[in-house]
Amino acid sequence: MEQQKSSNGENRINKRAKPQHAETIKYYKVVIVVMKSIKISKKIYIKLIKLSGQLQNKNNKKTTINDTITYLLEAEKNAH
């Protein structure tokens, strides 16, 4: 922190000043998404949307169709 003299002669610390040795480091988050299309019937799509809404209400967080399909696959895997 950098010290400055105020108008009455007292030293005060400038909290906004960067230390001389400080470096600015930037981090970037890289997300790679592979998307594929699949054909499903309207009936199945509606069932997925309904289940997605139920999962969203149960978990209190946004749920995607991908999350819903993952949930179904995990449930099927754990059933065996």
N, C-alpha and C. Protein backbone atom coordinates (compact mmCIF):
# COMPACT_ATOMS: atom_id res chain seq x y z
N MET A 1 0.83 -1.17 0.00
CA MET A 1 0.00 0.00 0.00
C MET A 1 0.88 1.24 0.00
N GLU A 2 0.40 2.25 -0.60
CA GLU A 2 1.16 3.48 -0.78
C GLU A 2 0.72 4.52 0.26
N GLN A 3 1.70 5.19 0.87
CA GLN A 3 1.36 6.23 1.84
C GLN A 3 1.37 7.59 1.15
N GLN A 4 0.43 8.43 1.55
CA GLN A 4 0.33 9.78 1.00
C GLN A 4 0.22 10.76 2.16
N LYS A 5 0.69 11.97 1.93
CA LYS A 5 0.56 13.03 2.92
C LYS A 5 -0.78 13.73 2.72
N SER A 6 -1.53 13.89 3.81
CA SER A 6 -2.78 14.62 3.72
C SER A 6 -2.51 16.10 3.82
N SER A 7 -3.54 16.91 3.67
CA SER A 7 -3.37 18.37 3.70
C SER A 7 -2.88 18.87 5.06
N ASN A 8 -3.14 18.12 6.14
CA ASN A 8 -2.66 18.55 7.45
C ASN A 8 -1.30 17.96 7.79
N GLY A 9 -0.66 17.28 6.84
CA GLY A 9 0.69 16.78 7.04
C GLY A 9 0.77 15.36 7.57
N GLU A 10 -0.37 14.73 7.87
CA GLU A 10 -0.34 13.38 8.39
C GLU A 10 -0.20 12.37 7.25
N ASN A 11 0.42 11.26 7.55
CA ASN A 11 0.52 10.18 6.57
C ASN A 11 -0.76 9.37 6.59
N ARG A 12 -1.25 9.03 5.42
CA ARG A 12 -2.40 8.14 5.33
C ARG A 12 -2.12 7.13 4.23
N ILE A 13 -2.80 5.99 4.32
CA ILE A 13 -2.56 4.90 3.37
C ILE A 13 -3.60 4.95 2.26
N ASN A 14 -3.10 4.91 1.03
CA ASN A 14 -3.98 4.83 -0.14
C ASN A 14 -4.27 3.36 -0.40
N LYS A 15 -5.47 2.90 -0.02
CA LYS A 15 -5.82 1.48 -0.15
C LYS A 15 -6.04 1.06 -1.59
N ARG A 16 -6.29 2.00 -2.48
CA ARG A 16 -6.53 1.66 -3.88
C ARG A 16 -5.25 1.51 -4.68
N ALA A 17 -4.14 1.99 -4.17
CA ALA A 17 -2.88 1.91 -4.91
C ALA A 17 -2.36 0.48 -4.89
N LYS A 18 -1.87 0.02 -6.03
CA LYS A 18 -1.30 -1.32 -6.11
C LYS A 18 0.15 -1.27 -5.63
N PRO A 19 0.56 -2.30 -4.89
CA PRO A 19 1.97 -2.36 -4.51
C PRO A 19 2.85 -2.42 -5.77
N GLN A 20 4.05 -1.93 -5.65
CA GLN A 20 4.94 -1.87 -6.80
C GLN A 20 5.29 -3.26 -7.35
N HIS A 21 5.30 -4.26 -6.49
CA HIS A 21 5.68 -5.60 -6.91
C HIS A 21 4.50 -6.44 -7.37
N ALA A 22 3.30 -5.91 -7.34
CA ALA A 22 2.11 -6.69 -7.70
C ALA A 22 2.04 -6.93 -9.20
N GLU A 23 1.58 -8.12 -9.57
CA GLU A 23 1.37 -8.46 -10.97
C GLU A 23 -0.10 -8.73 -11.19
N THR A 24 -0.57 -8.40 -12.36
CA THR A 24 -1.94 -8.73 -12.70
C THR A 24 -1.93 -10.07 -13.43
N ILE A 25 -2.66 -11.03 -12.88
CA ILE A 25 -2.74 -12.35 -13.49
C ILE A 25 -4.18 -12.58 -13.89
N LYS A 26 -4.39 -12.93 -15.13
CA LYS A 26 -5.73 -13.19 -15.62
C LYS A 26 -5.90 -14.69 -15.83
N TYR A 27 -7.03 -15.20 -15.39
CA TYR A 27 -7.36 -16.59 -15.57
C TYR A 27 -8.54 -16.69 -16.52
N TYR A 28 -8.50 -17.65 -17.38
CA TYR A 28 -9.59 -17.87 -18.32
C TYR A 28 -10.11 -19.28 -18.15
N LYS A 29 -11.40 -19.41 -18.10
CA LYS A 29 -12.03 -20.72 -18.00
C LYS A 29 -12.37 -21.16 -19.42
N VAL A 30 -11.91 -22.34 -19.78
CA VAL A 30 -12.16 -22.88 -21.11
C VAL A 30 -13.13 -24.05 -20.96
N VAL A 31 -14.23 -23.98 -21.67
CA VAL A 31 -15.23 -25.03 -21.64
C VAL A 31 -15.38 -25.56 -23.06
N ILE A 32 -15.21 -26.86 -23.20
CA ILE A 32 -15.37 -27.48 -24.51
C ILE A 32 -16.65 -28.31 -24.46
N VAL A 33 -17.55 -28.01 -25.34
CA VAL A 33 -18.84 -28.70 -25.38
C VAL A 33 -18.99 -29.36 -26.74
N VAL A 34 -19.30 -30.63 -26.71
CA VAL A 34 -19.58 -31.37 -27.94
C VAL A 34 -21.08 -31.61 -27.95
N MET A 35 -21.74 -31.13 -28.98
CA MET A 35 -23.18 -31.26 -29.05
C MET A 35 -23.56 -32.16 -30.22
N LYS A 36 -24.48 -33.04 -29.97
CA LYS A 36 -25.01 -33.92 -31.01
C LYS A 36 -26.53 -33.80 -30.99
N SER A 37 -27.14 -34.01 -32.12
CA SER A 37 -28.60 -34.01 -32.21
C SER A 37 -29.09 -35.44 -32.25
N ILE A 38 -30.19 -35.68 -31.57
CA ILE A 38 -30.85 -36.98 -31.65
C ILE A 38 -32.32 -36.74 -31.94
N LYS A 39 -32.93 -37.66 -32.64
CA LYS A 39 -34.35 -37.54 -32.94
C LYS A 39 -35.14 -38.33 -31.91
N ILE A 40 -36.12 -37.67 -31.30
CA ILE A 40 -37.01 -38.33 -30.37
C ILE A 40 -38.44 -37.92 -30.71
N SER A 41 -39.37 -38.74 -30.30
CA SER A 41 -40.77 -38.41 -30.58
C SER A 41 -41.23 -37.27 -29.68
N LYS A 42 -42.29 -36.64 -30.08
CA LYS A 42 -42.85 -35.53 -29.30
C LYS A 42 -43.27 -36.03 -27.92
N LYS A 43 -43.81 -37.24 -27.86
CA LYS A 43 -44.25 -37.84 -26.60
C LYS A 43 -43.08 -37.99 -25.63
N ILE A 44 -41.95 -38.49 -26.11
CA ILE A 44 -40.76 -38.65 -25.26
C ILE A 44 -40.20 -37.29 -24.85
N TYR A 45 -40.21 -36.34 -25.79
CA TYR A 45 -39.73 -34.99 -25.48
C TYR A 45 -40.54 -34.38 -24.34
N ILE A 46 -41.85 -34.52 -24.39
CA ILE A 46 -42.72 -33.98 -23.34
C ILE A 46 -42.43 -34.65 -22.00
N LYS A 47 -42.21 -35.98 -22.03
CA LYS A 47 -41.87 -36.70 -20.80
C LYS A 47 -40.54 -36.21 -20.22
N LEU A 48 -39.57 -35.97 -21.10
CA LEU A 48 -38.27 -35.46 -20.64
C LEU A 48 -38.41 -34.07 -20.02
N ILE A 49 -39.21 -33.22 -20.64
CA ILE A 49 -39.42 -31.87 -20.13
C ILE A 49 -40.10 -31.92 -18.76
N LYS A 50 -41.10 -32.78 -18.61
CA LYS A 50 -41.80 -32.92 -17.33
C LYS A 50 -40.85 -33.43 -16.24
N LEU A 51 -40.08 -34.46 -16.57
CA LEU A 51 -39.13 -35.01 -15.60
C LEU A 51 -38.06 -33.96 -15.25
N SER A 52 -37.62 -33.22 -16.24
CA SER A 52 -36.65 -32.16 -16.01
C SER A 52 -37.20 -31.13 -15.01
N GLY A 53 -38.47 -30.77 -15.16
CA GLY A 53 -39.11 -29.84 -14.23
C GLY A 53 -39.19 -30.41 -12.83
N GLN A 54 -39.50 -31.71 -12.73
CA GLN A 54 -39.56 -32.36 -11.42
C GLN A 54 -38.20 -32.38 -10.73
N LEU A 55 -37.16 -32.69 -11.51
CA LEU A 55 -35.80 -32.69 -10.95
C LEU A 55 -35.39 -31.28 -10.52
N GLN A 56 -35.78 -30.30 -11.32
CA GLN A 56 -35.47 -28.91 -11.00
C GLN A 56 -36.11 -28.51 -9.67
N ASN A 57 -37.37 -28.89 -9.48
CA ASN A 57 -38.06 -28.58 -8.22
C ASN A 57 -37.44 -29.33 -7.05
N LYS A 58 -37.09 -30.59 -7.27
CA LYS A 58 -36.51 -31.42 -6.21
C LYS A 58 -35.15 -30.89 -5.76
N ASN A 59 -34.32 -30.50 -6.72
CA ASN A 59 -32.93 -30.09 -6.43
C ASN A 59 -32.77 -28.58 -6.26
N ASN A 60 -33.82 -27.82 -6.52
CA ASN A 60 -33.77 -26.35 -6.42
C ASN A 60 -32.64 -25.75 -7.25
N LYS A 61 -32.43 -26.31 -8.44
CA LYS A 61 -31.44 -25.73 -9.35
C LYS A 61 -31.85 -26.03 -10.79
N LYS A 62 -31.33 -25.22 -11.70
CA LYS A 62 -31.66 -25.38 -13.11
C LYS A 62 -31.24 -26.77 -13.59
N THR A 63 -32.12 -27.41 -14.33
CA THR A 63 -31.86 -28.75 -14.85
C THR A 63 -32.03 -28.74 -16.36
N THR A 64 -31.03 -29.23 -17.05
CA THR A 64 -31.09 -29.30 -18.51
C THR A 64 -31.60 -30.68 -18.93
N ILE A 65 -31.92 -30.81 -20.20
CA ILE A 65 -32.31 -32.10 -20.74
C ILE A 65 -31.14 -33.09 -20.59
N ASN A 66 -29.94 -32.61 -20.78
CA ASN A 66 -28.75 -33.45 -20.59
C ASN A 66 -28.69 -33.98 -19.16
N ASP A 67 -28.97 -33.12 -18.17
CA ASP A 67 -29.01 -33.55 -16.77
C ASP A 67 -30.08 -34.62 -16.57
N THR A 68 -31.21 -34.43 -17.21
CA THR A 68 -32.32 -35.38 -17.08
C THR A 68 -31.96 -36.74 -17.67
N ILE A 69 -31.35 -36.74 -18.83
CA ILE A 69 -30.94 -38.00 -19.46
C ILE A 69 -29.87 -38.68 -18.61
N THR A 70 -28.94 -37.90 -18.09
CA THR A 70 -27.90 -38.44 -17.20
C THR A 70 -28.54 -39.08 -15.97
N TYR A 71 -29.52 -38.40 -15.39
CA TYR A 71 -30.24 -38.93 -14.24
C TYR A 71 -30.89 -40.28 -14.58
N LEU A 72 -31.55 -40.35 -15.72
CA LEU A 72 -32.20 -41.59 -16.14
C LEU A 72 -31.19 -42.71 -16.36
N LEU A 73 -30.06 -42.40 -16.98
CA LEU A 73 -29.04 -43.42 -17.22
C LEU A 73 -28.43 -43.92 -15.92
N GLU A 74 -28.18 -43.01 -14.97
CA GLU A 74 -27.65 -43.40 -13.67
C GLU A 74 -28.65 -44.23 -12.89
N ALA A 75 -29.93 -43.86 -12.95
CA ALA A 75 -30.97 -44.61 -12.26
C ALA A 75 -31.07 -46.03 -12.83
N GLU A 76 -30.96 -46.15 -14.14
CA GLU A 76 -31.02 -47.46 -14.79
C GLU A 76 -29.79 -48.29 -14.42
N LYS A 77 -28.64 -47.64 -14.37
CA LYS A 77 -27.38 -48.32 -14.02
C LYS A 77 -27.44 -48.84 -12.58
N ASN A 78 -27.98 -48.02 -11.67
CA ASN A 78 -28.05 -48.40 -10.26
C ASN A 78 -29.13 -49.45 -9.99
N ALA A 79 -30.06 -49.60 -10.90
CA ALA A 79 -31.14 -50.57 -10.74
C ALA A 79 -30.64 -52.00 -10.99
N HIS A 80 -29.53 -52.12 -11.69
CA HIS A 80 -29.01 -53.46 -12.01
C HIS A 80 -27.93 -53.88 -11.09
